[in-house]
């Protein structure tokens, strides 16, 4: 969710250009969102840590369900017994 929010804030900043850096006027909301986006992401951990955690949890769940890994691409990793 924070990755999508960061993307949207960055794109809005591109659209507004220099106005997105001003704290008043038309770009005020974009500036605030762009500034706050990192604050929302930090409490959960860095993107790399969260990605690693989600992969580990997914592997644990699939192992508990009796599924095994296969293939070398993520969408082909899991198959039922």
PDB file of N, CA and C in Angstrom:
ATOM      1  N   UNK A   1       0.823  -1.191   0.000  1.00  0.00           N
ATOM      2  CA  UNK A   1       0.000   0.000   0.000  1.00  0.00           C
ATOM      3  C   UNK A   1       0.866   1.255   0.000  1.00  0.00           C
ATOM      4  N   UNK A   2       1.928   1.237   0.813  1.00  0.00           N
ATOM      5  CA  UNK A   2       2.773   2.432   0.855  1.00  0.00           C
ATOM      6  C   UNK A   2       3.547   2.605  -0.446  1.00  0.00           C
ATOM      7  N   UNK A   3       3.857   1.501  -1.121  1.00  0.00           N
ATOM      8  CA  UNK A   3       4.549   1.599  -2.405  1.00  0.00           C
ATOM      9  C   UNK A   3       3.657   2.291  -3.431  1.00  0.00           C
ATOM     10  N   UNK A   4       2.385   1.940  -3.443  1.00  0.00           N
ATOM     11  CA  UNK A   4       1.427   2.577  -4.349  1.00  0.00           C
ATOM     12  C   UNK A   4       1.243   4.041  -3.991  1.00  0.00           C
ATOM     13  N   UNK A   5       1.155   4.322  -2.687  1.00  0.00           N
ATOM     14  CA  UNK A   5       1.001   5.701  -2.227  1.00  0.00           C
ATOM     15  C   UNK A   5       2.213   6.536  -2.631  1.00  0.00           C
ATOM     16  N   UNK A   6       3.407   5.957  -2.490  1.00  0.00           N
ATOM     17  CA  UNK A   6       4.625   6.667  -2.874  1.00  0.00           C
ATOM     18  C   UNK A   6       4.643   6.936  -4.379  1.00  0.00           C
ATOM     19  N   UNK A   7       4.215   5.962  -5.166  1.00  0.00           N
ATOM     20  CA  UNK A   7       4.147   6.139  -6.616  1.00  0.00           C
ATOM     21  C   UNK A   7       3.189   7.272  -6.983  1.00  0.00           C
ATOM     22  N   UNK A   8       2.003   7.279  -6.353  1.00  0.00           N
ATOM     23  CA  UNK A   8       1.003   8.318  -6.638  1.00  0.00           C
ATOM     24  C   UNK A   8       1.509   9.698  -6.245  1.00  0.00           C
ATOM     25  N   UNK A   9       2.166   9.788  -5.094  1.00  0.00           N
ATOM     26  CA  UNK A   9       2.705  11.077  -4.646  1.00  0.00           C
ATOM     27  C   UNK A   9       3.793  11.559  -5.600  1.00  0.00           C
ATOM     28  N   UNK A  10       4.630  10.641  -6.065  1.00  0.00           N
ATOM     29  CA  UNK A  10       5.701  11.009  -6.993  1.00  0.00           C
ATOM     30  C   UNK A  10       5.129  11.475  -8.332  1.00  0.00           C
ATOM     31  N   UNK A  11       4.108  10.775  -8.822  1.00  0.00           N
ATOM     32  CA  UNK A  11       3.484  11.164 -10.089  1.00  0.00           C
ATOM     33  C   UNK A  11       2.764  12.507  -9.967  1.00  0.00           C
ATOM     34  N   UNK A  12       2.087  12.733  -8.847  1.00  0.00           N
ATOM     35  CA  UNK A  12       1.429  14.028  -8.620  1.00  0.00           C
ATOM     36  C   UNK A  12       2.467  15.136  -8.578  1.00  0.00           C
ATOM     37  N   UNK A  13       3.612  14.843  -7.984  1.00  0.00           N
ATOM     38  CA  UNK A  13       4.696  15.822  -7.930  1.00  0.00           C
ATOM     39  C   UNK A  13       5.205  16.142  -9.335  1.00  0.00           C
ATOM     40  N   UNK A  14       5.272  15.127 -10.188  1.00  0.00           N
ATOM     41  CA  UNK A  14       5.688  15.347 -11.572  1.00  0.00           C
ATOM     42  C   UNK A  14       4.679  16.221 -12.321  1.00  0.00           C
ATOM     43  N   UNK A  15       3.404  15.981 -12.078  1.00  0.00           N
ATOM     44  CA  UNK A  15       2.354  16.751 -12.749  1.00  0.00           C
ATOM     45  C   UNK A  15       2.387  18.212 -12.316  1.00  0.00           C
ATOM     46  N   UNK A  16       2.537  18.441 -11.013  1.00  0.00           N
ATOM     47  CA  UNK A  16       2.532  19.806 -10.495  1.00  0.00           C
ATOM     48  C   UNK A  16       3.863  20.520 -10.685  1.00  0.00           C
ATOM     49  N   UNK A  17       4.918  19.781 -10.954  1.00  0.00           N
ATOM     50  CA  UNK A  17       6.224  20.389 -11.177  1.00  0.00           C
ATOM     51  C   UNK A  17       6.721  21.133  -9.951  1.00  0.00           C
ATOM     52  N   UNK A  18       7.221  22.350 -10.158  1.00  0.00           N
ATOM     53  CA  UNK A  18       7.772  23.153  -9.072  1.00  0.00           C
ATOM     54  C   UNK A  18       6.759  23.527  -8.009  1.00  0.00           C
ATOM     55  N   UNK A  19       5.477  23.588  -8.381  1.00  0.00           N
ATOM     56  CA  UNK A  19       4.439  23.917  -7.395  1.00  0.00           C
ATOM     57  C   UNK A  19       4.333  22.862  -6.294  1.00  0.00           C
ATOM     58  N   UNK A  20       4.760  21.637  -6.587  1.00  0.00           N
ATOM     59  CA  UNK A  20       4.643  20.574  -5.584  1.00  0.00           C
ATOM     60  C   UNK A  20       5.640  20.738  -4.444  1.00  0.00           C
ATOM     61  N   UNK A  21       6.545  21.702  -4.555  1.00  0.00           N
ATOM     62  CA  UNK A  21       7.506  21.953  -3.479  1.00  0.00           C
ATOM     63  C   UNK A  21       7.125  23.144  -2.623  1.00  0.00           C
ATOM     64  N   UNK A  22       6.024  23.818  -2.970  1.00  0.00           N
ATOM     65  CA  UNK A  22       5.594  24.970  -2.178  1.00  0.00           C
ATOM     66  C   UNK A  22       4.584  24.539  -1.126  1.00  0.00           C
ATOM     67  N   UNK A  23       4.672  25.134   0.047  1.00  0.00           N
ATOM     68  CA  UNK A  23       3.773  24.753   1.144  1.00  0.00           C
ATOM     69  C   UNK A  23       2.437  25.483   1.082  1.00  0.00           C
ATOM     70  N   UNK A  24       2.284  26.348   0.144  1.00  0.00           N
ATOM     71  CA  UNK A  24       1.021  27.066  -0.004  1.00  0.00           C
ATOM     72  C   UNK A  24       0.567  27.021  -1.448  1.00  0.00           C
ATOM     73  N   UNK A  25      -0.646  27.445  -1.683  1.00  0.00           N
ATOM     74  CA  UNK A  25      -1.165  27.504  -3.043  1.00  0.00           C
ATOM     75  C   UNK A  25      -1.604  26.159  -3.578  1.00  0.00           C
ATOM     76  N   UNK A  26      -1.536  26.024  -4.891  1.00  0.00           N
ATOM     77  CA  UNK A  26      -2.047  24.836  -5.571  1.00  0.00           C
ATOM     78  C   UNK A  26      -1.296  23.555  -5.213  1.00  0.00           C
ATOM     79  N   UNK A  27      -0.016  23.645  -4.961  1.00  0.00           N
ATOM     80  CA  UNK A  27       0.778  22.443  -4.704  1.00  0.00           C
ATOM     81  C   UNK A  27       0.878  22.041  -3.248  1.00  0.00           C
ATOM     82  N   UNK A  28       0.145  22.706  -2.366  1.00  0.00           N
ATOM     83  CA  UNK A  28       0.266  22.439  -0.926  1.00  0.00           C
ATOM     84  C   UNK A  28      -0.084  21.001  -0.562  1.00  0.00           C
ATOM     85  N   UNK A  29      -1.165  20.490  -1.116  1.00  0.00           N
ATOM     86  CA  UNK A  29      -1.572  19.113  -0.784  1.00  0.00           C
ATOM     87  C   UNK A  29      -0.568  18.095  -1.314  1.00  0.00           C
ATOM     88  N   UNK A  30      -0.076  18.319  -2.519  1.00  0.00           N
ATOM     89  CA  UNK A  30       0.902  17.405  -3.100  1.00  0.00           C
ATOM     90  C   UNK A  30       2.186  17.429  -2.279  1.00  0.00           C
ATOM     91  N   UNK A  31       2.610  18.618  -1.880  1.00  0.00           N
ATOM     92  CA  UNK A  31       3.824  18.736  -1.063  1.00  0.00           C
ATOM     93  C   UNK A  31       3.664  17.993   0.240  1.00  0.00           C
ATOM     94  N   UNK A  32       2.518  18.128   0.881  1.00  0.00           N
ATOM     95  CA  UNK A  32       2.252  17.461   2.160  1.00  0.00           C
ATOM     96  C   UNK A  32       2.242  15.935   1.991  1.00  0.00           C
ATOM     97  N   UNK A  33       1.573  15.442   0.955  1.00  0.00           N
ATOM     98  CA  UNK A  33       1.536  13.999   0.703  1.00  0.00           C
ATOM     99  C   UNK A  33       2.928  13.452   0.396  1.00  0.00           C
ATOM    100  N   UNK A  34       3.677  14.184  -0.411  1.00  0.00           N
ATOM    101  CA  UNK A  34       5.019  13.747  -0.787  1.00  0.00           C
ATOM    102  C   UNK A  34       5.929  13.690   0.435  1.00  0.00           C
ATOM    103  N   UNK A  35       5.753  14.628   1.340  1.00  0.00           N
ATOM    104  CA  UNK A  35       6.547  14.672   2.572  1.00  0.00           C
ATOM    105  C   UNK A  35       6.121  13.572   3.541  1.00  0.00           C
ATOM    106  N   UNK A  36       4.831  13.294   3.627  1.00  0.00           N
ATOM    107  CA  UNK A  36       4.307  12.323   4.591  1.00  0.00           C
ATOM    108  C   UNK A  36       4.445  10.870   4.154  1.00  0.00           C
ATOM    109  N   UNK A  37       4.605  10.637   2.863  1.00  0.00           N
ATOM    110  CA  UNK A  37       4.607   9.263   2.361  1.00  0.00           C
ATOM    111  C   UNK A  37       5.689   8.416   3.027  1.00  0.00           C
ATOM    112  N   UNK A  38       6.849   8.959   3.266  1.00  0.00           N
ATOM    113  CA  UNK A  38       7.911   8.186   3.908  1.00  0.00           C
ATOM    114  C   UNK A  38       7.592   7.923   5.371  1.00  0.00           C
ATOM    115  N   UNK A  39       6.919   8.844   6.017  1.00  0.00           N
ATOM    116  CA  UNK A  39       6.561   8.646   7.425  1.00  0.00           C
ATOM    117  C   UNK A  39       5.589   7.487   7.581  1.00  0.00           C
ATOM    118  N   UNK A  40       4.740   7.264   6.593  1.00  0.00           N
ATOM    119  CA  UNK A  40       3.802   6.143   6.659  1.00  0.00           C
ATOM    120  C   UNK A  40       4.509   4.810   6.422  1.00  0.00           C
ATOM    121  N   UNK A  41       5.555   4.818   5.628  1.00  0.00           N
ATOM    122  CA  UNK A  41       6.252   3.578   5.289  1.00  0.00           C
ATOM    123  C   UNK A  41       7.233   3.144   6.374  1.00  0.00           C
ATOM    124  N   UNK A  42       7.844   4.073   7.063  1.00  0.00           N
ATOM    125  CA  UNK A  42       8.914   3.760   8.013  1.00  0.00           C
ATOM    126  C   UNK A  42       8.477   2.883   9.182  1.00  0.00           C
ATOM    127  N   UNK A  43       7.325   3.086   9.828  1.00  0.00           N
ATOM    128  CA  UNK A  43       6.983   2.246  10.987  1.00  0.00           C
ATOM    129  C   UNK A  43       6.940   0.752  10.688  1.00  0.00           C
ATOM    130  N   UNK A  44       6.591   0.365   9.493  1.00  0.00           N
ATOM    131  CA  UNK A  44       6.536  -1.048   9.141  1.00  0.00           C
ATOM    132  C   UNK A  44       7.899  -1.629   8.825  1.00  0.00           C
ATOM    133  N   UNK A  45       8.844  -0.798   8.495  1.00  0.00           N
ATOM    134  CA  UNK A  45      10.170  -1.250   8.087  1.00  0.00           C
ATOM    135  C   UNK A  45      10.428  -0.866   6.642  1.00  0.00           C
ATOM    136  N   UNK A  46      11.660  -1.028   6.216  1.00  0.00           N
ATOM    137  CA  UNK A  46      11.990  -0.677   4.839  1.00  0.00           C
ATOM    138  C   UNK A  46      11.281  -1.634   3.879  1.00  0.00           C
ATOM    139  N   UNK A  47      11.182  -1.222   2.633  1.00  0.00           N
ATOM    140  CA  UNK A  47      10.504  -2.059   1.635  1.00  0.00           C
ATOM    141  C   UNK A  47      11.181  -3.423   1.513  1.00  0.00           C
ATOM    142  N   UNK A  48      12.519  -3.427   1.585  1.00  0.00           N
ATOM    143  CA  UNK A  48      13.254  -4.678   1.455  1.00  0.00           C
ATOM    144  C   UNK A  48      12.939  -5.621   2.612  1.00  0.00           C
ATOM    145  N   UNK A  49      12.877  -5.085   3.829  1.00  0.00           N
ATOM    146  CA  UNK A  49      12.577  -5.906   5.004  1.00  0.00           C
ATOM    147  C   UNK A  49      11.158  -6.448   4.921  1.00  0.00           C
ATOM    148  N   UNK A  50      10.206  -5.606   4.528  1.00  0.00           N
ATOM    149  CA  UNK A  50       8.817  -6.050   4.427  1.00  0.00           C
ATOM    150  C   UNK A  50       8.651  -7.108   3.329  1.00  0.00           C
ATOM    151  N   UNK A  51       9.354  -6.945   2.215  1.00  0.00           N
ATOM    152  CA  UNK A  51       9.298  -7.935   1.137  1.00  0.00           C
ATOM    153  C   UNK A  51       9.873  -9.267   1.612  1.00  0.00           C
ATOM    154  N   UNK A  52      11.012  -9.219   2.297  1.00  0.00           N
ATOM    155  CA  UNK A  52      11.617 -10.433   2.837  1.00  0.00           C
ATOM    156  C   UNK A  52      10.675 -11.118   3.821  1.00  0.00           C
ATOM    157  N   UNK A  53      10.059 -10.338   4.698  1.00  0.00           N
ATOM    158  CA  UNK A  53       9.125 -10.889   5.684  1.00  0.00           C
ATOM    159  C   UNK A  53       7.931 -11.557   4.998  1.00  0.00           C
ATOM    160  N   UNK A  54       7.381 -10.900   3.984  1.00  0.00           N
ATOM    161  CA  UNK A  54       6.212 -11.470   3.302  1.00  0.00           C
ATOM    162  C   UNK A  54       6.563 -12.762   2.569  1.00  0.00           C
ATOM    163  N   UNK A  55       7.748 -12.837   1.987  1.00  0.00           N
ATOM    164  CA  UNK A  55       8.166 -14.064   1.305  1.00  0.00           C
ATOM    165  C   UNK A  55       8.347 -15.192   2.309  1.00  0.00           C
ATOM    166  N   UNK A  56       8.994 -14.890   3.439  1.00  0.00           N
ATOM    167  CA  UNK A  56       9.196 -15.919   4.467  1.00  0.00           C
ATOM    168  C   UNK A  56       7.857 -16.435   5.005  1.00  0.00           C
ATOM    169  N   UNK A  57       6.924 -15.519   5.258  1.00  0.00           N
ATOM    170  CA  UNK A  57       5.617 -15.937   5.763  1.00  0.00           C
ATOM    171  C   UNK A  57       4.863 -16.771   4.732  1.00  0.00           C
ATOM    172  N   UNK A  58       4.943 -16.375   3.485  1.00  0.00           N
ATOM    173  CA  UNK A  58       4.275 -17.121   2.419  1.00  0.00           C
ATOM    174  C   UNK A  58       4.855 -18.529   2.296  1.00  0.00           C
ATOM    175  N   UNK A  59       6.172 -18.642   2.390  1.00  0.00           N
ATOM    176  CA  UNK A  59       6.803 -19.959   2.326  1.00  0.00           C
ATOM    177  C   UNK A  59       6.377 -20.834   3.494  1.00  0.00           C
ATOM    178  N   UNK A  60       6.287 -20.245   4.700  1.00  0.00           N
ATOM    179  CA  UNK A  60       5.845 -21.001   5.875  1.00  0.00           C
ATOM    180  C   UNK A  60       4.419 -21.515   5.699  1.00  0.00           C
ATOM    181  N   UNK A  61       3.539 -20.660   5.204  1.00  0.00           N
ATOM    182  CA  UNK A  61       2.140 -21.049   5.012  1.00  0.00           C
ATOM    183  C   UNK A  61       2.036 -22.181   3.991  1.00  0.00           C
ATOM    184  N   UNK A  62       2.717 -22.040   2.875  1.00  0.00           N
ATOM    185  CA  UNK A  62       2.633 -23.060   1.834  1.00  0.00           C
ATOM    186  C   UNK A  62       3.263 -24.373   2.283  1.00  0.00           C
ATOM    187  N   UNK A  63       4.335 -24.287   3.075  1.00  0.00           N
ATOM    188  CA  UNK A  63       4.947 -25.503   3.602  1.00  0.00           C
ATOM    189  C   UNK A  63       3.999 -26.183   4.582  1.00  0.00           C
ATOM    190  N   UNK A  64       3.319 -25.396   5.408  1.00  0.00           N
ATOM    191  CA  UNK A  64       2.362 -25.949   6.374  1.00  0.00           C
ATOM    192  C   UNK A  64       1.173 -26.600   5.665  1.00  0.00           C
ATOM    193  N   UNK A  65       0.817 -26.093   4.499  1.00  0.00           N
ATOM    194  CA  UNK A  65      -0.300 -26.657   3.737  1.00  0.00           C
ATOM    195  C   UNK A  65       0.122 -27.853   2.887  1.00  0.00           C
ATOM    196  N   UNK A  66       1.407 -28.193   2.952  1.00  0.00           N
ATOM    197  CA  UNK A  66       1.889 -29.349   2.208  1.00  0.00           C
ATOM    198  C   UNK A  66       2.182 -29.072   0.755  1.00  0.00           C
ATOM    199  N   UNK A  67       2.432 -27.837   0.415  1.00  0.00           N
ATOM    200  CA  UNK A  67       2.753 -27.500  -0.969  1.00  0.00           C
ATOM    201  C   UNK A  67       4.268 -27.461  -1.116  1.00  0.00           C
ATOM    202  N   UNK A  68       4.763 -27.702  -2.315  1.00  0.00           N
ATOM    203  CA  UNK A  68       6.203 -27.653  -2.513  1.00  0.00           C
ATOM    204  C   UNK A  68       6.548 -26.643  -3.601  1.00  0.00           C
ATOM    205  N   UNK A  69       7.789 -26.167  -3.567  1.00  0.00           N
ATOM    206  CA  UNK A  69       8.258 -25.205  -4.556  1.00  0.00           C
ATOM    207  C   UNK A  69       8.595 -25.918  -5.853  1.00  0.00           C
ATOM    208  N   UNK A  70       8.386 -25.220  -6.941  1.00  0.00           N
ATOM    209  CA  UNK A  70       8.788 -25.737  -8.245  1.00  0.00           C
ATOM    210  C   UNK A  70       9.098 -24.556  -9.143  1.00  0.00           C
ATOM    211  N   UNK A  71       9.872 -24.756 -10.160  1.00  0.00           N
ATOM    212  CA  UNK A  71      10.171 -23.719 -11.134  1.00  0.00           C
ATOM    213  C   UNK A  71      11.119 -22.667 -10.598  1.00  0.00           C
ATOM    214  N   UNK A  72      11.513 -21.761 -11.462  1.00  0.00           N
ATOM    215  CA  UNK A  72      12.449 -20.715 -11.081  1.00  0.00           C
ATOM    216  C   UNK A  72      11.824 -19.328 -11.144  1.00  0.00           C
ATOM    217  N   UNK A  73      10.547 -19.259 -11.457  1.00  0.00           N
ATOM    218  CA  UNK A  73       9.858 -17.972 -11.502  1.00  0.00           C
ATOM    219  C   UNK A  73       8.808 -17.940 -10.402  1.00  0.00           C
ATOM    220  N   UNK A  74       8.600 -16.798  -9.760  1.00  0.00           N
ATOM    221  CA  UNK A  74       7.698 -16.725  -8.604  1.00  0.00           C
ATOM    222  C   UNK A  74       6.307 -17.273  -8.847  1.00  0.00           C
ATOM    223  N   UNK A  75       5.711 -17.062 -10.019  1.00  0.00           N
ATOM    224  CA  UNK A  75       4.333 -17.504 -10.231  1.00  0.00           C
ATOM    225  C   UNK A  75       4.259 -19.024 -10.430  1.00  0.00           C
ATOM    226  N   UNK A  76       5.397 -19.698 -10.572  1.00  0.00           N
ATOM    227  CA  UNK A  76       5.398 -21.150 -10.726  1.00  0.00           C
ATOM    228  C   UNK A  76       5.973 -21.850  -9.496  1.00  0.00           C
ATOM    229  N   UNK A  77       6.116 -21.122  -8.403  1.00  0.00           N
ATOM    230  CA  UNK A  77       6.752 -21.693  -7.211  1.00  0.00           C
ATOM    231  C   UNK A  77       5.906 -22.739  -6.514  1.00  0.00           C
ATOM    232  N   UNK A  78       4.605 -22.597  -6.519  1.00  0.00           N
ATOM    233  CA  UNK A  78       3.774 -23.434  -5.671  1.00  0.00           C
ATOM    234  C   UNK A  78       2.913 -24.391  -6.488  1.00  0.00           C
ATOM    235  N   UNK A  79       2.836 -25.596  -6.000  1.00  0.00           N
ATOM    236  CA  UNK A  79       1.928 -26.573  -6.599  1.00  0.00           C
ATOM    237  C   UNK A  79       1.377 -27.445  -5.475  1.00  0.00           C
ATOM    238  N   UNK A  80       0.212 -27.982  -5.675  1.00  0.00           N
ATOM    239  CA  UNK A  80      -0.382 -28.873  -4.683  1.00  0.00           C
ATOM    240  C   UNK A  80       0.222 -30.257  -4.819  1.00  0.00           C
ATOM    241  N   UNK A  81       0.183 -31.000  -3.726  1.00  0.00           N
ATOM    242  CA  UNK A  81       0.676 -32.386  -3.769  1.00  0.00           C
ATOM    243  C   UNK A  81      -0.291 -33.265  -4.518  1.00  0.00           C
TER     244      UNK A  81
END
